[in-house]
Amino acid sequence: MGGSTMLDNYDFSDSRPNPYVKRERKAVTMNLDATAIDYFKNLAAETGIPYQNLINLYLVQCARENKRLMFA
């Protein structure tokens, strides 16, 4: 059986912290307006990106830009 083998010891002296650890994701359940879901599903069909990912990308952008809702 060819292939790689496990080493007894590994050298982590040049390792660094994971830069993506801040981007931890959590599963949540939420009720969304059907219009919003349809919007992101249509956008998903255009882009090939799953609509849940698009919603997450939009929310992350809002958080990064510190956007606030405007109430009429």
N, C-alpha and C. Protein backbone atom coordinates (compact mmCIF):
# COMPACT_ATOMS: atom_id res chain seq x y z
N MET A 1 0.84 -1.18 0.00
CA MET A 1 0.00 0.00 0.00
C MET A 1 0.89 1.24 0.00
N GLY A 2 0.96 1.98 -1.10
CA GLY A 2 1.79 3.17 -1.20
C GLY A 2 1.08 4.38 -0.62
N GLY A 3 1.81 5.45 -0.53
CA GLY A 3 1.21 6.69 -0.06
C GLY A 3 2.00 7.30 1.07
N SER A 4 1.45 8.34 1.63
CA SER A 4 2.16 9.05 2.69
C SER A 4 2.02 8.30 4.02
N THR A 5 2.99 8.53 4.88
CA THR A 5 2.97 7.91 6.20
C THR A 5 2.99 9.00 7.26
N MET A 6 2.45 8.71 8.40
CA MET A 6 2.44 9.64 9.52
C MET A 6 3.83 9.68 10.14
N LEU A 7 4.28 10.86 10.48
CA LEU A 7 5.56 11.00 11.17
C LEU A 7 5.34 10.84 12.67
N ASP A 8 6.37 10.43 13.36
CA ASP A 8 6.27 10.33 14.82
C ASP A 8 6.30 11.71 15.46
N ASN A 9 7.02 12.63 14.84
CA ASN A 9 7.13 13.99 15.37
C ASN A 9 6.94 15.00 14.25
N TYR A 10 6.31 16.11 14.56
CA TYR A 10 6.11 17.19 13.60
C TYR A 10 6.73 18.46 14.16
N ASP A 11 7.27 19.29 13.30
CA ASP A 11 7.90 20.54 13.70
C ASP A 11 6.93 21.69 13.46
N PHE A 12 6.40 22.27 14.53
CA PHE A 12 5.48 23.40 14.44
C PHE A 12 6.15 24.71 14.83
N SER A 13 7.48 24.74 14.82
CA SER A 13 8.20 25.94 15.28
C SER A 13 7.94 27.15 14.37
N ASP A 14 7.62 26.94 13.10
CA ASP A 14 7.34 28.04 12.19
C ASP A 14 5.84 28.28 12.00
N SER A 15 5.04 27.68 12.84
CA SER A 15 3.59 27.83 12.68
C SER A 15 3.14 29.21 13.15
N ARG A 16 1.95 29.60 12.73
CA ARG A 16 1.38 30.88 13.14
C ARG A 16 -0.10 30.67 13.43
N PRO A 17 -0.72 31.59 14.15
CA PRO A 17 -2.14 31.43 14.46
C PRO A 17 -3.00 31.42 13.20
N ASN A 18 -4.09 30.71 13.25
CA ASN A 18 -5.02 30.64 12.14
C ASN A 18 -5.67 32.01 11.91
N PRO A 19 -5.48 32.63 10.74
CA PRO A 19 -6.07 33.96 10.50
C PRO A 19 -7.58 33.92 10.31
N TYR A 20 -8.14 32.74 10.10
CA TYR A 20 -9.57 32.62 9.84
C TYR A 20 -10.38 32.26 11.08
N VAL A 21 -9.73 32.16 12.22
CA VAL A 21 -10.44 31.75 13.43
C VAL A 21 -11.54 32.74 13.80
N LYS A 22 -11.38 34.02 13.47
CA LYS A 22 -12.40 35.02 13.76
C LYS A 22 -13.66 34.79 12.92
N ARG A 23 -13.51 34.08 11.82
CA ARG A 23 -14.62 33.88 10.91
C ARG A 23 -15.43 32.64 11.24
N GLU A 24 -15.44 32.27 12.50
CA GLU A 24 -16.22 31.12 12.93
C GLU A 24 -17.67 31.32 12.54
N ARG A 25 -18.32 30.24 12.16
CA ARG A 25 -19.72 30.31 11.76
C ARG A 25 -20.56 29.55 12.78
N LYS A 26 -21.76 30.03 12.98
CA LYS A 26 -22.72 29.36 13.87
C LYS A 26 -24.01 29.14 13.09
N ALA A 27 -24.57 27.98 13.27
CA ALA A 27 -25.87 27.69 12.67
C ALA A 27 -26.96 28.38 13.49
N VAL A 28 -27.87 29.05 12.80
CA VAL A 28 -28.99 29.70 13.47
C VAL A 28 -30.27 29.41 12.70
N THR A 29 -31.36 29.51 13.39
CA THR A 29 -32.67 29.38 12.76
C THR A 29 -33.35 30.72 12.86
N MET A 30 -33.84 31.23 11.75
CA MET A 30 -34.53 32.52 11.78
C MET A 30 -35.64 32.55 10.74
N ASN A 31 -36.61 33.37 11.00
CA ASN A 31 -37.71 33.55 10.07
C ASN A 31 -37.41 34.79 9.23
N LEU A 32 -37.37 34.61 7.91
CA LEU A 32 -37.08 35.70 6.99
C LEU A 32 -38.30 35.99 6.13
N ASP A 33 -38.43 37.23 5.73
CA ASP A 33 -39.50 37.64 4.84
C ASP A 33 -39.35 36.90 3.51
N ALA A 34 -40.46 36.42 2.96
CA ALA A 34 -40.42 35.66 1.71
C ALA A 34 -39.83 36.49 0.58
N THR A 35 -40.05 37.80 0.58
CA THR A 35 -39.49 38.67 -0.45
C THR A 35 -37.96 38.64 -0.39
N ALA A 36 -37.39 38.66 0.80
CA ALA A 36 -35.94 38.62 0.96
C ALA A 36 -35.39 37.28 0.47
N ILE A 37 -36.06 36.20 0.83
CA ILE A 37 -35.61 34.87 0.39
C ILE A 37 -35.65 34.77 -1.13
N ASP A 38 -36.75 35.24 -1.74
CA ASP A 38 -36.87 35.20 -3.20
C ASP A 38 -35.77 36.03 -3.86
N TYR A 39 -35.47 37.19 -3.30
CA TYR A 39 -34.42 38.06 -3.83
C TYR A 39 -33.08 37.32 -3.85
N PHE A 40 -32.71 36.72 -2.72
CA PHE A 40 -31.42 36.04 -2.63
C PHE A 40 -31.40 34.74 -3.44
N LYS A 41 -32.54 34.06 -3.58
CA LYS A 41 -32.59 32.86 -4.42
C LYS A 41 -32.41 33.23 -5.89
N ASN A 42 -33.01 34.34 -6.32
CA ASN A 42 -32.82 34.79 -7.69
C ASN A 42 -31.37 35.20 -7.93
N LEU A 43 -30.78 35.89 -6.97
CA LEU A 43 -29.38 36.28 -7.07
C LEU A 43 -28.48 35.04 -7.10
N ALA A 44 -28.86 34.03 -6.34
CA ALA A 44 -28.10 32.77 -6.32
C ALA A 44 -28.14 32.10 -7.70
N ALA A 45 -29.30 32.14 -8.34
CA ALA A 45 -29.42 31.55 -9.68
C ALA A 45 -28.52 32.28 -10.68
N GLU A 46 -28.39 33.59 -10.52
CA GLU A 46 -27.55 34.39 -11.41
C GLU A 46 -26.05 34.16 -11.16
N THR A 47 -25.69 34.01 -9.91
CA THR A 47 -24.27 33.97 -9.54
C THR A 47 -23.72 32.56 -9.36
N GLY A 48 -24.60 31.60 -9.09
CA GLY A 48 -24.14 30.25 -8.80
C GLY A 48 -23.67 30.07 -7.36
N ILE A 49 -23.89 31.09 -6.54
CA ILE A 49 -23.53 31.03 -5.12
C ILE A 49 -24.80 30.68 -4.34
N PRO A 50 -24.76 29.70 -3.44
CA PRO A 50 -25.96 29.34 -2.68
C PRO A 50 -26.54 30.56 -1.95
N TYR A 51 -27.88 30.64 -1.92
CA TYR A 51 -28.52 31.82 -1.37
C TYR A 51 -28.19 32.03 0.10
N GLN A 52 -27.98 30.95 0.87
CA GLN A 52 -27.61 31.12 2.28
C GLN A 52 -26.26 31.82 2.39
N ASN A 53 -25.33 31.47 1.51
CA ASN A 53 -24.02 32.12 1.50
C ASN A 53 -24.15 33.59 1.14
N LEU A 54 -25.02 33.90 0.18
CA LEU A 54 -25.22 35.29 -0.21
C LEU A 54 -25.80 36.11 0.95
N ILE A 55 -26.75 35.54 1.66
CA ILE A 55 -27.32 36.23 2.82
C ILE A 55 -26.23 36.48 3.84
N ASN A 56 -25.39 35.47 4.10
CA ASN A 56 -24.30 35.63 5.06
C ASN A 56 -23.32 36.71 4.59
N LEU A 57 -22.95 36.68 3.32
CA LEU A 57 -22.03 37.69 2.79
C LEU A 57 -22.59 39.09 2.96
N TYR A 58 -23.88 39.26 2.70
CA TYR A 58 -24.51 40.57 2.85
C TYR A 58 -24.51 41.01 4.31
N LEU A 59 -24.85 40.11 5.21
CA LEU A 59 -24.89 40.47 6.63
C LEU A 59 -23.49 40.79 7.16
N VAL A 60 -22.49 40.04 6.71
CA VAL A 60 -21.11 40.32 7.12
C VAL A 60 -20.69 41.70 6.62
N GLN A 61 -21.05 42.02 5.38
CA GLN A 61 -20.73 43.34 4.83
C GLN A 61 -21.40 44.44 5.63
N CYS A 62 -22.67 44.25 5.98
CA CYS A 62 -23.39 45.23 6.80
C CYS A 62 -22.69 45.43 8.14
N ALA A 63 -22.28 44.35 8.76
CA ALA A 63 -21.61 44.43 10.06
C ALA A 63 -20.26 45.12 9.91
N ARG A 64 -19.51 44.78 8.88
CA ARG A 64 -18.18 45.37 8.66
C ARG A 64 -18.29 46.88 8.43
N GLU A 65 -19.34 47.29 7.70
CA GLU A 65 -19.52 48.71 7.38
C GLU A 65 -20.34 49.44 8.44
N ASN A 66 -20.71 48.72 9.50
CA ASN A 66 -21.48 49.29 10.61
C ASN A 66 -22.75 49.97 10.13
N LYS A 67 -23.45 49.32 9.19
CA LYS A 67 -24.69 49.88 8.65
C LYS A 67 -25.78 49.88 9.71
N ARG A 68 -26.61 50.87 9.63
CA ARG A 68 -27.75 51.01 10.54
C ARG A 68 -29.04 51.08 9.73
N LEU A 69 -30.10 50.54 10.27
CA LEU A 69 -31.41 50.61 9.62
C LEU A 69 -31.97 52.02 9.72
N MET A 70 -32.66 52.41 8.67
CA MET A 70 -33.37 53.70 8.70
C MET A 70 -34.85 53.38 8.80
N PHE A 71 -35.45 53.79 9.88
CA PHE A 71 -36.87 53.55 10.10
C PHE A 71 -37.67 54.76 9.62
N ALA A 72 -38.71 54.50 8.85
CA ALA A 72 -39.54 55.59 8.32
C ALA A 72 -40.63 55.95 9.28
